[in-house]
Protein backbone atom coordinates (compact mmCIF):
# COMPACT_ATOMS: atom_id res chain seq x y z
CA UNK A 1 -43.55 -2.62 -0.79
CA UNK A 2 -42.15 -2.92 2.77
CA UNK A 3 -38.71 -1.72 3.67
CA UNK A 4 -37.46 -5.23 3.95
CA UNK A 5 -38.91 -6.23 0.54
CA UNK A 6 -37.49 -3.10 -0.94
CA UNK A 7 -33.98 -3.80 0.36
CA UNK A 8 -34.13 -7.24 -1.00
CA UNK A 9 -35.42 -5.93 -4.28
CA UNK A 10 -32.49 -3.41 -4.50
CA UNK A 11 -29.83 -5.98 -3.38
CA UNK A 12 -30.65 -8.43 -6.18
CA UNK A 13 -31.44 -5.81 -8.84
CA UNK A 14 -28.83 -6.03 -11.62
CA UNK A 15 -26.80 -2.86 -11.58
CA UNK A 16 -23.53 -1.30 -12.55
CA UNK A 17 -21.11 0.58 -10.28
CA UNK A 18 -19.27 3.40 -11.92
CA UNK A 19 -17.75 5.29 -8.98
CA UNK A 20 -15.66 3.27 -6.69
CA UNK A 21 -12.01 3.76 -5.72
CA UNK A 22 -10.41 0.33 -5.16
CA UNK A 23 -8.09 1.67 -2.40
CA UNK A 24 -11.41 2.79 -0.71
CA UNK A 25 -12.64 -0.69 -0.47
CA UNK A 26 -9.84 -1.66 1.89
CA UNK A 27 -11.79 -3.00 4.93
CA UNK A 28 -10.05 -2.73 8.34
CA UNK A 29 -9.78 -6.57 8.55
CA UNK A 30 -7.98 -6.80 5.32
CA UNK A 31 -5.77 -3.81 6.20
CA UNK A 32 -4.44 -5.63 9.18
CA UNK A 33 -3.98 -8.87 7.30
CA UNK A 34 -1.87 -7.07 4.70
CA UNK A 35 -0.02 -5.13 7.31
CA UNK A 36 0.99 -8.35 8.94
CA UNK A 37 1.92 -9.96 5.66
CA UNK A 38 4.16 -7.02 4.69
CA UNK A 39 5.54 -6.21 8.17
CA UNK A 40 3.95 -2.74 8.06
CA UNK A 41 2.79 -0.93 11.28
CA UNK A 42 -0.58 0.69 11.31
CA UNK A 43 -1.09 3.58 13.88
CA UNK A 44 -4.08 1.68 15.54
CA UNK A 45 -3.93 -1.31 17.98
CA UNK A 46 -6.72 -3.34 16.33
CA UNK A 47 -9.55 -3.49 13.75
CA UNK A 48 -12.12 -1.87 16.02
CA UNK A 49 -9.79 1.06 16.74
CA UNK A 50 -9.20 1.63 13.03
CA UNK A 51 -12.98 1.43 12.26
CA UNK A 52 -13.68 3.89 15.04
CA UNK A 53 -11.28 6.35 13.32
CA UNK A 54 -13.55 6.47 10.25
CA UNK A 55 -15.24 9.77 11.37
CA UNK A 56 -14.62 12.62 8.95
CA UNK A 57 -15.27 16.46 8.93
CA UNK A 58 -14.62 16.86 5.28
CA UNK A 59 -12.95 15.42 2.28
CA UNK A 60 -9.39 16.09 3.41
CA UNK A 61 -9.86 14.45 6.84
CA UNK A 62 -10.95 11.31 5.02
CA UNK A 63 -8.02 11.50 2.59
CA UNK A 64 -5.52 11.68 5.43
CA UNK A 65 -6.46 8.20 6.81
CA UNK A 66 -7.18 6.89 3.31
CA UNK A 67 -3.59 7.50 2.10
CA UNK A 68 -2.17 6.32 5.29
CA UNK A 69 -3.90 2.97 5.06
CA UNK A 70 -2.70 2.48 1.47
CA UNK A 71 0.74 1.92 2.81
CA UNK A 72 -0.15 -1.82 3.46
CA UNK A 73 -0.55 -2.29 -0.30
CA UNK A 74 2.85 -3.43 -1.57
CA UNK A 75 2.65 -6.42 -3.90
CA UNK A 76 0.66 -7.61 -6.91
CA UNK A 77 -1.01 -10.17 -4.59
CA UNK A 78 -2.10 -7.38 -2.19
CA UNK A 79 -3.80 -5.45 -5.08
CA UNK A 80 -5.29 -8.62 -6.31
CA UNK A 81 -6.74 -9.65 -2.99
CA UNK A 82 -8.03 -6.16 -2.40
CA UNK A 83 -9.85 -6.04 -5.79
CA UNK A 84 -11.26 -9.51 -5.52
CA UNK A 85 -12.63 -8.84 -2.09
CA UNK A 86 -14.45 -5.83 -3.53
CA UNK A 87 -15.80 -7.84 -6.52
CA UNK A 88 -17.06 -10.50 -4.23
CA UNK A 89 -18.92 -7.99 -2.03
CA UNK A 90 -20.24 -6.20 -5.17
CA UNK A 91 -21.56 -9.49 -6.68
CA UNK A 92 -23.51 -10.09 -3.45
CA UNK A 93 -25.20 -6.67 -4.01
CA UNK A 94 -26.12 -7.34 -7.57
CA UNK A 95 -23.39 -5.54 -9.39
CA UNK A 96 -23.00 -7.06 -12.92
CA UNK A 97 -20.40 -4.49 -14.12
CA UNK A 98 -17.92 -2.28 -12.22
CA UNK A 99 -15.74 0.52 -13.50
CA UNK A 100 -13.04 0.87 -10.89
CA UNK A 101 -10.80 3.82 -10.08
CA UNK A 102 -7.26 3.43 -8.96
CA UNK A 103 -4.70 5.97 -7.79
CA UNK A 104 -1.23 4.79 -9.07
CA UNK A 105 0.56 7.99 -7.95
CA UNK A 106 -0.41 7.10 -4.32
CA UNK A 107 1.57 3.88 -4.78
CA UNK A 108 4.48 4.83 -7.02
CA UNK A 109 5.22 7.62 -4.52
CA UNK A 110 5.85 4.78 -2.02
CA UNK A 111 8.14 2.81 -4.45
CA UNK A 112 5.36 0.54 -5.70
CA UNK A 113 5.52 0.38 -9.52
CA UNK A 114 2.66 1.06 -11.87
CA UNK A 115 3.15 -2.44 -13.15
CA UNK A 116 2.65 -3.91 -9.70
CA UNK A 117 -0.68 -2.31 -8.86
CA UNK A 118 -2.01 -2.49 -12.54
CA UNK A 119 -1.18 -6.23 -12.92
CA UNK A 120 -2.45 -7.18 -9.45
CA UNK A 121 -5.82 -5.38 -10.07
CA UNK A 122 -6.20 -6.84 -13.54
CA UNK A 123 -5.60 -10.40 -12.35
CA UNK A 124 -8.52 -9.96 -10.01
CA UNK A 125 -10.75 -8.34 -12.58
CA UNK A 126 -10.12 -11.33 -14.94
CA UNK A 127 -10.93 -13.71 -12.04
CA UNK A 128 -14.03 -11.61 -11.35
CA UNK A 129 -15.38 -12.45 -14.82
CA UNK A 130 -14.56 -16.07 -14.52
CA UNK A 131 -15.69 -16.66 -10.98
CA UNK A 132 -18.39 -14.07 -10.40
CA UNK A 133 -19.60 -13.15 -13.84
CA UNK A 134 -18.82 -9.44 -13.16
CA UNK A 135 -17.49 -7.50 -16.27
CA UNK A 136 -15.35 -4.51 -15.51
CA UNK A 137 -13.22 -1.58 -16.55
CA UNK A 138 -10.20 0.08 -14.86
CA UNK A 139 -9.88 3.91 -14.62
CA UNK A 140 -6.56 5.57 -13.94
CA UNK A 141 -7.09 8.68 -11.79
CA UNK A 142 -4.70 11.61 -11.66
CA UNK A 143 -4.27 13.11 -8.21
CA UNK A 144 -5.42 16.76 -8.63
CA UNK A 145 -3.46 17.95 -5.58
CA UNK A 146 -0.30 17.02 -7.42
CA UNK A 147 1.07 18.79 -10.62
CA UNK A 148 -0.08 18.18 -14.18
CA UNK A 149 3.59 17.17 -14.87
CA UNK A 150 3.21 14.36 -12.36
CA UNK A 151 -0.09 13.26 -14.05
CA UNK A 152 1.73 13.35 -17.46
CA UNK A 153 4.55 11.23 -16.00
CA UNK A 154 2.18 8.54 -14.65
CA UNK A 155 0.30 8.49 -18.06
CA UNK A 156 3.64 7.79 -19.63
CA UNK A 157 4.32 4.86 -17.17
CA UNK A 158 0.82 3.60 -18.10
CA UNK A 159 1.52 3.57 -21.85
CA UNK A 160 2.71 -0.18 -21.89
CA UNK A 161 -0.52 -1.07 -20.10
CA UNK A 162 -3.03 1.04 -21.92
CA UNK A 163 -4.94 -2.07 -23.24
CA UNK A 164 -5.84 -2.80 -19.62
CA UNK A 165 -7.44 0.71 -19.08
CA UNK A 166 -10.92 1.98 -19.83
CA UNK A 167 -10.55 5.69 -19.14
CA UNK A 168 -8.70 8.29 -17.15
CA UNK A 169 -10.10 10.30 -14.17
CA UNK A 170 -9.31 13.04 -11.74
CA UNK A 171 -9.75 12.77 -8.03
CA UNK A 172 -8.36 13.65 -4.58
CA UNK A 173 -8.83 17.01 -2.84
CA UNK A 174 -11.12 19.16 -4.99
CA UNK A 175 -11.08 22.62 -3.58
CA UNK A 176 -8.39 24.81 -5.06
CA UNK A 177 -7.47 22.23 -7.81
CA UNK A 178 -9.66 22.98 -10.80
CA UNK A 179 -9.97 20.44 -13.70
CA UNK A 180 -8.57 23.03 -16.09
CA UNK A 181 -5.06 22.53 -14.53
CA UNK A 182 -5.10 19.02 -16.24
CA UNK A 183 -6.01 19.96 -19.72
CA UNK A 184 -2.78 18.60 -21.32
CA UNK A 185 -3.00 15.23 -19.47
CA UNK A 186 -6.63 14.60 -20.54
CA UNK A 187 -5.83 15.56 -24.12
CA UNK A 188 -2.87 13.17 -24.15
CA UNK A 189 -4.99 10.47 -22.70
CA UNK A 190 -7.59 10.96 -25.44
CA UNK A 191 -4.71 10.60 -28.04
CA UNK A 192 -3.98 7.30 -26.40
CA UNK A 193 -7.66 6.27 -26.85
CA UNK A 194 -8.68 6.79 -23.32
CA UNK A 195 -11.81 8.95 -22.61
CA UNK A 196 -12.03 11.02 -19.50
CA UNK A 197 -14.30 11.25 -16.46
CA UNK A 198 -13.65 13.79 -13.61
CA UNK A 199 -14.58 14.46 -10.02
CA UNK A 200 -16.31 17.82 -10.02
CA UNK A 201 -18.93 19.66 -8.00
CA UNK A 202 -18.57 17.63 -4.84
CA UNK A 203 -16.91 20.13 -2.54
CA UNK A 204 -15.83 22.30 -5.57
CA UNK A 205 -18.13 24.81 -7.20
CA UNK A 206 -20.39 24.20 -10.19
CA UNK A 207 -17.73 25.99 -12.35
CA UNK A 208 -15.48 23.02 -11.97
CA UNK A 209 -18.22 20.87 -13.83
CA UNK A 210 -18.13 23.29 -16.66
CA UNK A 211 -14.41 23.07 -16.80
CA UNK A 212 -14.55 19.21 -16.74
CA UNK A 213 -16.96 19.21 -19.64
CA UNK A 214 -15.54 21.82 -21.78
CA UNK A 215 -11.75 21.68 -21.07
CA UNK A 216 -11.27 17.98 -20.09
CA UNK A 217 -14.05 16.75 -22.40
CA UNK A 218 -15.23 14.52 -19.66
CA UNK A 219 -17.77 11.95 -20.58
CA UNK A 220 -19.02 11.61 -16.97
CA UNK A 221 -19.05 13.80 -13.93
CA UNK A 222 -18.24 12.07 -10.81
CA UNK A 223 -20.32 13.44 -7.99
CA UNK A 224 -21.70 16.56 -9.72
CA UNK A 225 -24.11 17.28 -6.88
CA UNK A 226 -23.48 21.06 -6.77
CA UNK A 227 -24.71 21.51 -10.45
CA UNK A 228 -28.03 22.74 -8.97
CA UNK A 229 -26.34 25.95 -8.20
CA UNK A 230 -26.28 26.84 -11.87
CA UNK A 231 -29.50 26.55 -13.81
CA UNK A 232 -27.86 26.87 -17.17
CA UNK A 233 -25.60 23.99 -16.32
CA UNK A 234 -28.52 21.80 -15.20
CA UNK A 235 -30.15 22.42 -18.52
CA UNK A 236 -27.03 21.39 -20.35
CA UNK A 237 -26.58 18.23 -18.21
CA UNK A 238 -30.18 17.28 -18.87
CA UNK A 239 -30.03 18.00 -22.65
CA UNK A 240 -26.78 16.22 -23.26
CA UNK A 241 -27.64 13.43 -20.68
CA UNK A 242 -24.23 13.66 -19.19
CA UNK A 243 -24.00 11.02 -16.41
CA UNK A 244 -23.57 11.94 -12.79
CA UNK A 245 -21.99 9.22 -10.66
CA UNK A 246 -23.54 10.21 -7.20
CA UNK A 247 -22.28 8.70 -3.98
CA UNK A 248 -25.00 9.51 -1.30
CA UNK A 249 -23.44 7.84 1.83
CA UNK A 250 -20.07 9.43 0.98
CA UNK A 251 -21.72 12.83 0.62
CA UNK A 252 -23.43 12.63 4.03
CA UNK A 253 -20.22 11.21 5.78
CA UNK A 254 -18.15 13.99 4.34
CA UNK A 255 -20.67 16.74 5.32
CA UNK A 256 -21.49 17.75 1.72
CA UNK A 257 -25.02 17.28 2.98
CA UNK A 258 -26.10 17.25 6.63
CA UNK A 259 -28.42 14.22 6.25
CA UNK A 260 -29.69 11.89 3.62
CA UNK A 261 -33.02 13.65 3.63
CA UNK A 262 -31.20 16.78 2.59
CA UNK A 263 -29.32 15.29 -0.26
CA UNK A 264 -30.31 16.64 -3.68
CA UNK A 265 -30.56 13.26 -5.47
CA UNK A 266 -34.27 13.51 -5.79
CA UNK A 267 -33.98 17.05 -7.16
CA UNK A 268 -31.40 15.83 -9.62
CA UNK A 269 -33.79 13.28 -10.94
CA UNK A 270 -36.67 15.64 -11.03
CA UNK A 271 -34.54 17.80 -13.36
CA UNK A 272 -34.18 14.79 -15.83
CA UNK A 273 -30.53 14.26 -15.12
CA UNK A 274 -28.77 10.82 -15.79
CA UNK A 275 -28.23 10.06 -12.08
CA UNK A 276 -26.41 6.84 -11.15
CA UNK A 277 -25.93 5.57 -7.55
CA UNK A 278 -22.44 4.44 -6.43
CA UNK A 279 -20.38 3.74 -3.20
CA UNK A 280 -17.26 5.84 -3.64
CA UNK A 281 -15.11 4.42 -0.79
CA UNK A 282 -17.48 1.89 0.80
CA UNK A 283 -15.05 0.60 3.52
CA UNK A 284 -14.94 4.16 4.97
CA UNK A 285 -18.48 5.44 4.32
CA UNK A 286 -20.58 2.65 5.68
CA UNK A 287 -21.91 0.94 2.51
CA UNK A 288 -21.58 -0.63 -0.82
CA UNK A 289 -23.69 0.22 -3.92
CA UNK A 290 -26.89 -1.53 -2.83
CA UNK A 291 -26.58 -0.01 0.57
CA UNK A 292 -26.35 3.42 -1.01
CA UNK A 293 -29.42 2.81 -3.20
CA UNK A 294 -31.40 1.57 -0.19
CA UNK A 295 -30.43 4.61 1.81
CA UNK A 296 -31.77 7.10 -0.85
CA UNK A 297 -34.84 4.97 -1.52
CA UNK A 298 -35.65 4.93 2.19
CA UNK A 299 -34.98 8.64 2.55
CA UNK A 300 -37.16 9.68 -0.33
CA UNK A 301 -39.59 6.72 -0.53
CA UNK A 302 -38.69 5.84 -4.05
CA UNK A 303 -41.10 3.71 -5.84
CA UNK A 304 -39.89 0.56 -7.65
CA UNK A 305 -40.08 2.45 -11.01
CA UNK A 306 -37.48 5.06 -9.75
CA UNK A 307 -35.13 2.32 -8.44
CA UNK A 308 -35.36 0.50 -11.75
CA UNK A 309 -34.54 3.71 -13.62
CA UNK A 310 -31.45 4.18 -11.47
CA UNK A 311 -30.33 0.70 -12.38
CA UNK A 312 -30.94 1.24 -16.12
CA UNK A 313 -29.04 4.59 -15.74
CA UNK A 314 -26.08 2.80 -14.47
CA UNK A 315 -25.70 0.71 -17.62
CA UNK A 316 -26.58 3.64 -19.84
CA UNK A 317 -23.72 5.49 -18.37
CA UNK A 318 -21.17 2.75 -18.48
CA UNK A 319 -18.34 2.31 -21.12
CA UNK A 320 -19.96 -0.74 -22.68
CA UNK A 321 -20.42 -1.83 -26.27
CA UNK A 322 -24.10 -1.44 -27.41
CA UNK A 323 -24.48 -5.09 -27.54
CA UNK A 324 -23.29 -5.67 -23.93
CA UNK A 325 -25.33 -2.72 -22.79
CA UNK A 326 -28.51 -4.06 -24.32
CA UNK A 327 -27.97 -7.44 -22.73
CA UNK A 328 -27.51 -5.90 -19.22
CA UNK A 329 -30.62 -3.67 -19.77
CA UNK A 330 -32.59 -6.69 -20.82
CA UNK A 331 -31.59 -8.24 -17.38
CA UNK A 332 -33.04 -5.14 -15.61
CA UNK A 333 -36.16 -5.37 -17.50
CA UNK A 334 -36.50 -9.11 -16.85
CA UNK A 335 -35.87 -8.49 -13.14
CA UNK A 336 -38.77 -5.90 -13.14
């Protein structure tokens, strides 16, 4: 299969995306449009200057500009426009189901209510089903560089909207902020019927993955690429088929790996882990989910069988009913 044919195959292949931050889909063009709408000043003269600023040394250097850009998000319509723009792009890349992270604390700290961001996102998710045929879930993420008390407060604010939520997660700056610090928040979320996922083992150590599994009872590990530092952990992840939501372009752009060829995604697959491929913050890292899948397929010369398995994995790892999961897996098999 030529590179061109493989890219087309990947783009149209039915797939799920399980690790995408809706705030991280804010393309510079939309950022300036929303800034103008809301009379917000961005510290860049134009779209090109903002895009040129997307050069990062590590996770924190990315988060600094990520949070600054979020200031343009003020109204339900803003969050709806942002989400629908992502869904439209995702649909063009073969996404049939998306489970989307959002960071309400980022917005409530600026005086934007939980209700505003949740209703705006959910309006677009409903439109995504009707117009694009994409099913979805919404995952409330706690900011790990804030206190657990702040996480519990935002969870309480979410209570009237819990029927809109699929799960809770843990994101933001990882180093120095272990999952164990959020044990009560995740326990309370489970009592509200919300399972947990957690960012762990990206910049933080493999020990953070153990904590996410054993203390937070996380059902998925977001990133998880440092698990290979711990052989016993790898055996557990393989035996229990704990999904890893790997984001290759993000990992390279944030210097987790020096290059795509040095990424450990192939090794993760060789160890029998349930790997999925995702985009993380695609507006900042240079590619949506099909772009990420093409990047790893090109780097490691993946055959069609491996690409199909990654697509199957994405549906296996999703929070879907068995009936819906079976239908999506049948789409993958029919595509093959």
